[in-house]
Amino acid sequence: MAKRKIPVVVVAGFLGSGKTTLLNHLLRNTRGARIGVIVNDFGSVNIDSMMVAGQVDSMVSLSNGCLCCAVDVSDMDAMLDKLAHSKSELDVIVVEASGLAEPRNMIRLVVSSENEHITYGGLVLVVDAYEYDTTRERHPELDQHVAMADLILLNKTDRVDTDTHDDLLGRLCGLNARAAVVSTDHGRVDPGLLFDFPERAEPQPGEQLTLDDLLRDHDEHDHRHLHDGYDSITFESDAPLHPRALVDLLENQPQESSGSRAM
């Protein structure tokens, strides 16, 4: 039986819409699926790839310009070839487009790819509910982007009132009656809306467990770990911290009445 082709899902949206937040949510909350990521950021320092680094099975990081400006598909093919091949175990590849990328061109790059192991998985458009009118005024092409999307995520709905939300929902549905429009905040969405979860066979005796197996085993059993008795605290300050004073605090922790406590 022929091996199932890996769907390539393009995630687009203007700057600040929440694409990287969505991607991080998917990576942290999708178990049982292996995700490959291509991050296309605009500029000499790829900030978005730094924000998702270390959370993916495979990642090819782009910078120094917008991918959608490529003359042909050779660049995209080279990146897809690193992720999708005969021995690849990925279930989906997510392309996070630059906030300045043209979705139509990103789709063309995927569809025109000569990689026989992939298939186009659709366009997910992230829309900023709070900045929608401002973004649309600055970029009138937003209407076209909405019209070609397969799934529209109306993000940051926690920052608008009910009337504004309902109005935006109606306008988006008017521009694209074919696509599903899902309201969300902080990019929290069911990963199953973007791609299908694979059915994996249980490991045989003597077979090495995958990370997914280990995570599932952790969830199904009540185990106690050393870190169960500890809490973490995040401290944020508008004032700069003196580095030497911070190091001194960490190395010489104050004593509590019940004894010292690890940080």
Protein backbone atom coordinates (compact mmCIF):
# COMPACT_ATOMS: atom_id res chain seq x y z
CA MET A 1 0.00 0.00 0.00
CA ALA A 2 1.33 3.44 -0.94
CA LYS A 3 2.47 5.60 1.93
CA ARG A 4 0.09 8.41 2.84
CA LYS A 5 1.24 11.80 1.56
CA ILE A 6 2.08 14.44 4.16
CA PRO A 7 -0.35 17.38 4.09
CA VAL A 8 1.27 20.82 4.00
CA VAL A 9 -0.85 23.42 5.80
CA VAL A 10 -0.11 27.10 5.16
CA VAL A 11 -0.80 29.42 8.12
CA ALA A 12 -1.04 33.06 7.04
CA GLY A 13 -2.14 36.37 8.52
CA PHE A 14 -0.86 39.91 8.81
CA LEU A 15 1.75 40.97 11.36
CA GLY A 16 0.56 40.58 14.93
CA SER A 17 -2.48 38.46 14.12
CA GLY A 18 -1.24 35.58 16.29
CA LYS A 19 0.27 33.04 13.88
CA THR A 20 3.25 32.15 16.09
CA THR A 21 1.01 31.92 19.15
CA LEU A 22 -1.23 29.52 17.22
CA LEU A 23 1.74 27.44 16.12
CA ASN A 24 3.10 27.20 19.66
CA HIS A 25 -0.35 26.15 20.88
CA LEU A 26 -0.46 23.37 18.29
CA LEU A 27 3.01 22.14 19.18
CA ARG A 28 2.28 22.08 22.90
CA ASN A 29 -1.17 20.52 22.68
CA THR A 30 -0.93 18.00 19.86
CA ARG A 31 -0.07 14.54 21.10
CA GLY A 32 0.03 11.51 18.87
CA ALA A 33 1.07 13.53 15.81
CA ARG A 34 4.53 14.43 14.52
CA ILE A 35 4.67 17.97 13.19
CA GLY A 36 7.27 19.45 10.88
CA VAL A 37 7.51 23.23 10.69
CA ILE A 38 8.80 25.72 8.15
CA VAL A 39 8.97 29.22 9.62
CA ASN A 40 9.17 32.06 7.11
CA ASP A 41 10.01 35.28 8.94
CA PHE A 42 10.80 38.65 7.39
CA GLY A 43 14.08 40.26 8.32
CA SER A 44 17.67 39.35 9.15
CA VAL A 45 16.80 37.89 12.56
CA ASN A 46 14.20 35.15 12.47
CA ILE A 47 12.31 35.98 15.67
CA ASP A 48 9.41 33.62 14.99
CA SER A 49 11.68 30.60 14.55
CA MET A 50 13.41 31.45 17.84
CA MET A 51 10.00 31.39 19.54
CA VAL A 52 9.18 27.88 18.29
CA ALA A 53 12.69 26.38 18.31
CA GLY A 54 13.05 23.19 20.31
CA GLN A 55 9.36 22.32 20.18
CA VAL A 56 9.18 20.65 16.76
CA ASP A 57 10.23 17.33 15.28
CA SER A 58 11.96 19.04 12.35
CA MET A 59 12.30 22.69 11.46
CA VAL A 60 13.82 24.64 8.60
CA SER A 61 14.27 28.29 9.54
CA LEU A 62 14.12 31.07 6.95
CA SER A 63 15.21 34.68 7.12
CA ASN A 64 16.78 37.38 4.93
CA GLY A 65 13.61 38.17 3.04
CA CYS A 66 10.13 36.93 2.29
CA LEU A 67 9.77 33.48 0.76
CA CYS A 68 6.80 34.44 -1.36
CA CYS A 69 9.09 36.66 -3.44
CA ALA A 70 10.99 33.59 -4.76
CA VAL A 71 11.08 33.40 -8.57
CA ASP A 72 10.50 29.64 -8.71
CA VAL A 73 9.68 26.74 -6.39
CA SER A 74 13.22 25.45 -5.95
CA ASP A 75 13.67 27.05 -2.51
CA MET A 76 10.45 25.62 -1.14
CA ASP A 77 11.24 22.23 -2.67
CA ALA A 78 14.63 22.17 -0.94
CA MET A 79 13.00 22.87 2.40
CA LEU A 80 10.21 20.37 1.89
CA ASP A 81 12.75 17.74 0.83
CA LYS A 82 14.40 18.01 4.24
CA LEU A 83 11.09 17.27 5.95
CA ALA A 84 9.19 15.02 3.54
CA HIS A 85 10.98 11.98 2.11
CA SER A 86 10.57 8.22 1.90
CA LYS A 87 11.69 7.70 5.51
CA SER A 88 9.88 10.69 6.99
CA GLU A 89 7.62 9.97 9.97
CA LEU A 90 5.91 13.36 9.94
CA ASP A 91 2.12 13.50 9.90
CA VAL A 92 1.78 17.14 8.86
CA ILE A 93 3.97 20.06 7.81
CA VAL A 94 2.94 23.56 8.88
CA VAL A 95 4.30 26.53 6.94
CA GLU A 96 4.05 29.69 9.03
CA ALA A 97 4.11 32.44 6.43
CA SER A 98 5.62 35.83 7.08
CA GLY A 99 3.15 38.51 8.09
CA LEU A 100 4.10 40.24 4.85
CA ALA A 101 3.68 37.17 2.66
CA GLU A 102 1.04 36.84 -0.04
CA PRO A 103 -0.98 33.66 0.71
CA ARG A 104 -1.70 33.02 -2.98
CA ASN A 105 2.02 32.79 -3.73
CA MET A 106 2.65 30.57 -0.71
CA ILE A 107 -0.04 28.19 -1.93
CA ARG A 108 1.50 28.21 -5.40
CA LEU A 109 4.88 27.25 -3.97
CA VAL A 110 3.39 24.23 -2.20
CA VAL A 111 1.13 23.10 -5.05
CA SER A 112 3.95 23.47 -7.59
CA SER A 113 6.39 21.46 -5.50
CA GLU A 114 7.89 18.40 -7.18
CA ASN A 115 8.09 16.55 -3.87
CA GLU A 116 6.04 13.38 -4.35
CA HIS A 117 5.63 12.84 -0.61
CA ILE A 118 3.49 15.92 0.11
CA THR A 119 0.05 17.25 -0.73
CA TYR A 120 -1.50 20.68 -0.21
CA GLY A 121 -3.44 20.67 3.07
CA GLY A 122 -5.18 24.03 2.87
CA LEU A 123 -4.83 27.67 3.94
CA VAL A 124 -5.47 28.71 7.53
CA LEU A 125 -5.88 32.48 7.85
CA VAL A 126 -5.45 34.11 11.26
CA VAL A 127 -7.38 37.37 11.59
CA ASP A 128 -6.87 39.89 14.41
CA ALA A 129 -10.35 40.79 15.66
CA TYR A 130 -9.09 43.79 17.63
CA GLU A 131 -7.15 45.33 14.72
CA TYR A 132 -9.36 44.10 11.87
CA ASP A 133 -10.57 47.46 10.53
CA THR A 134 -7.15 49.09 10.93
CA THR A 135 -5.47 46.19 9.14
CA ARG A 136 -8.07 46.18 6.36
CA GLU A 137 -7.65 49.94 5.84
CA ARG A 138 -3.87 49.53 5.56
CA HIS A 139 -4.09 46.31 3.53
CA PRO A 140 -7.28 46.16 1.41
CA GLU A 141 -6.09 42.82 0.04
CA LEU A 142 -7.18 41.28 3.35
CA ASP A 143 -10.59 40.66 1.72
CA GLN A 144 -8.92 38.52 -0.95
CA HIS A 145 -6.99 36.58 1.69
CA VAL A 146 -10.22 35.85 3.56
CA ALA A 147 -11.92 34.73 0.36
CA MET A 148 -9.29 32.10 -0.48
CA ALA A 149 -8.91 30.63 3.03
CA ASP A 150 -10.04 27.10 3.89
CA LEU A 151 -10.23 27.88 7.62
CA ILE A 152 -10.47 31.34 9.19
CA LEU A 153 -9.45 31.88 12.81
CA LEU A 154 -10.91 35.06 14.26
CA ASN A 155 -8.29 35.56 16.93
CA LYS A 156 -8.05 37.90 19.94
CA THR A 157 -11.82 37.82 20.45
CA ASP A 158 -11.19 38.41 24.16
CA ARG A 159 -10.30 42.00 23.25
CA VAL A 160 -13.59 42.92 21.54
CA ASP A 161 -17.16 43.14 22.79
CA THR A 162 -19.98 40.84 21.70
CA ASP A 163 -21.47 43.24 19.14
CA THR A 164 -18.09 43.80 17.46
CA HIS A 165 -17.42 40.05 17.43
CA ASP A 166 -20.80 39.24 15.85
CA ASP A 167 -20.33 41.98 13.25
CA LEU A 168 -16.89 40.67 12.28
CA LEU A 169 -18.18 37.12 12.14
CA GLY A 170 -20.90 38.16 9.71
CA ARG A 171 -18.49 40.12 7.53
CA LEU A 172 -16.03 37.24 7.29
CA CYS A 173 -18.78 34.77 6.43
CA GLY A 174 -19.98 37.22 3.78
CA LEU A 175 -16.52 37.28 2.18
CA ASN A 176 -16.13 33.50 2.34
CA ALA A 177 -19.24 31.34 2.76
CA ARG A 178 -17.22 28.19 2.01
CA ALA A 179 -14.71 28.27 4.88
CA ALA A 180 -15.36 27.59 8.53
CA VAL A 181 -14.85 30.63 10.77
CA VAL A 182 -13.71 29.79 14.30
CA SER A 183 -13.52 32.38 17.08
CA THR A 184 -10.54 32.04 19.39
CA ASP A 185 -8.23 33.90 21.75
CA HIS A 186 -4.49 33.40 22.23
CA GLY A 187 -4.52 31.00 19.26
CA ARG A 188 -6.22 28.26 21.29
CA VAL A 189 -7.90 26.01 18.76
CA ASP A 190 -8.56 22.28 18.43
CA PRO A 191 -5.62 20.88 16.37
CA GLY A 192 -8.09 18.47 14.77
CA LEU A 193 -9.52 21.40 12.80
CA LEU A 194 -6.22 21.74 10.93
CA PHE A 195 -5.24 18.13 10.27
CA ASP A 196 -6.25 14.53 10.96
CA PHE A 197 -4.66 12.64 13.82
CA PRO A 198 -2.92 9.41 12.74
CA GLU A 199 -3.78 5.99 14.08
CA ARG A 200 -0.61 4.45 15.51
CA ALA A 201 -0.15 0.81 16.46
CA GLU A 202 0.81 -0.01 20.04
CA PRO A 203 4.55 -0.81 20.46
CA GLN A 204 5.44 -4.50 20.53
CA PRO A 205 7.38 -6.12 23.42
CA GLY A 206 11.04 -5.15 23.20
CA GLU A 207 10.28 -2.25 20.85
CA GLN A 208 11.71 1.15 21.78
CA LEU A 209 9.06 3.59 23.01
CA THR A 210 8.58 6.85 21.14
CA LEU A 211 8.12 10.20 22.88
CA ASP A 212 4.38 9.94 22.18
CA ASP A 213 4.28 6.53 23.90
CA LEU A 214 6.11 7.90 26.91
CA LEU A 215 3.76 10.87 27.20
CA ARG A 216 0.73 8.62 26.89
CA ASP A 217 2.11 6.26 29.54
CA HIS A 218 2.61 9.24 31.83
CA ASP A 219 -1.02 10.30 31.40
CA GLU A 220 -2.47 6.82 32.00
CA HIS A 221 -0.65 6.09 35.24
CA ASP A 222 -0.42 7.93 38.55
CA HIS A 223 3.29 8.48 38.98
CA ARG A 224 5.02 10.72 41.50
CA HIS A 225 8.06 12.69 40.41
CA LEU A 226 10.63 14.77 42.20
CA HIS A 227 9.24 17.95 40.71
CA ASP A 228 5.73 17.26 42.07
CA GLY A 229 6.65 18.92 45.38
CA TYR A 230 7.95 22.12 43.84
CA ASP A 231 6.34 25.24 42.43
CA SER A 232 7.77 27.75 39.99
CA ILE A 233 7.32 31.51 40.30
CA THR A 234 7.72 34.02 37.48
CA PHE A 235 8.81 37.52 38.48
CA GLU A 236 8.49 40.42 36.02
CA SER A 237 9.70 43.96 36.60
CA ASP A 238 9.64 47.12 34.51
CA ALA A 239 12.88 48.20 36.18
CA PRO A 240 16.14 46.59 35.04
CA LEU A 241 17.63 43.94 37.33
CA HIS A 242 21.25 44.22 38.42
CA PRO A 243 22.89 41.03 37.07
CA ARG A 244 25.39 40.65 39.92
CA ALA A 245 22.69 41.13 42.57
CA LEU A 246 20.52 38.51 40.83
CA VAL A 247 23.36 35.98 40.67
CA ASP A 248 24.17 36.64 44.33
CA LEU A 249 20.52 36.00 45.27
CA LEU A 250 20.45 32.72 43.34
CA GLU A 251 23.75 31.49 44.79
CA ASN A 252 23.06 32.67 48.37
CA GLN A 253 19.38 32.08 48.93
CA PRO A 254 17.85 33.50 52.13
CA GLN A 255 16.93 31.03 54.85
CA GLU A 256 13.30 30.46 55.85
CA SER A 257 12.07 29.54 59.29
CA SER A 258 11.49 25.95 58.15
CA GLY A 259 14.84 25.71 56.48
CA SER A 260 16.17 26.61 53.05
CA ARG A 261 13.95 26.24 50.02
CA ALA A 262 15.23 25.48 46.52
CA MET A 263 14.42 27.96 43.78
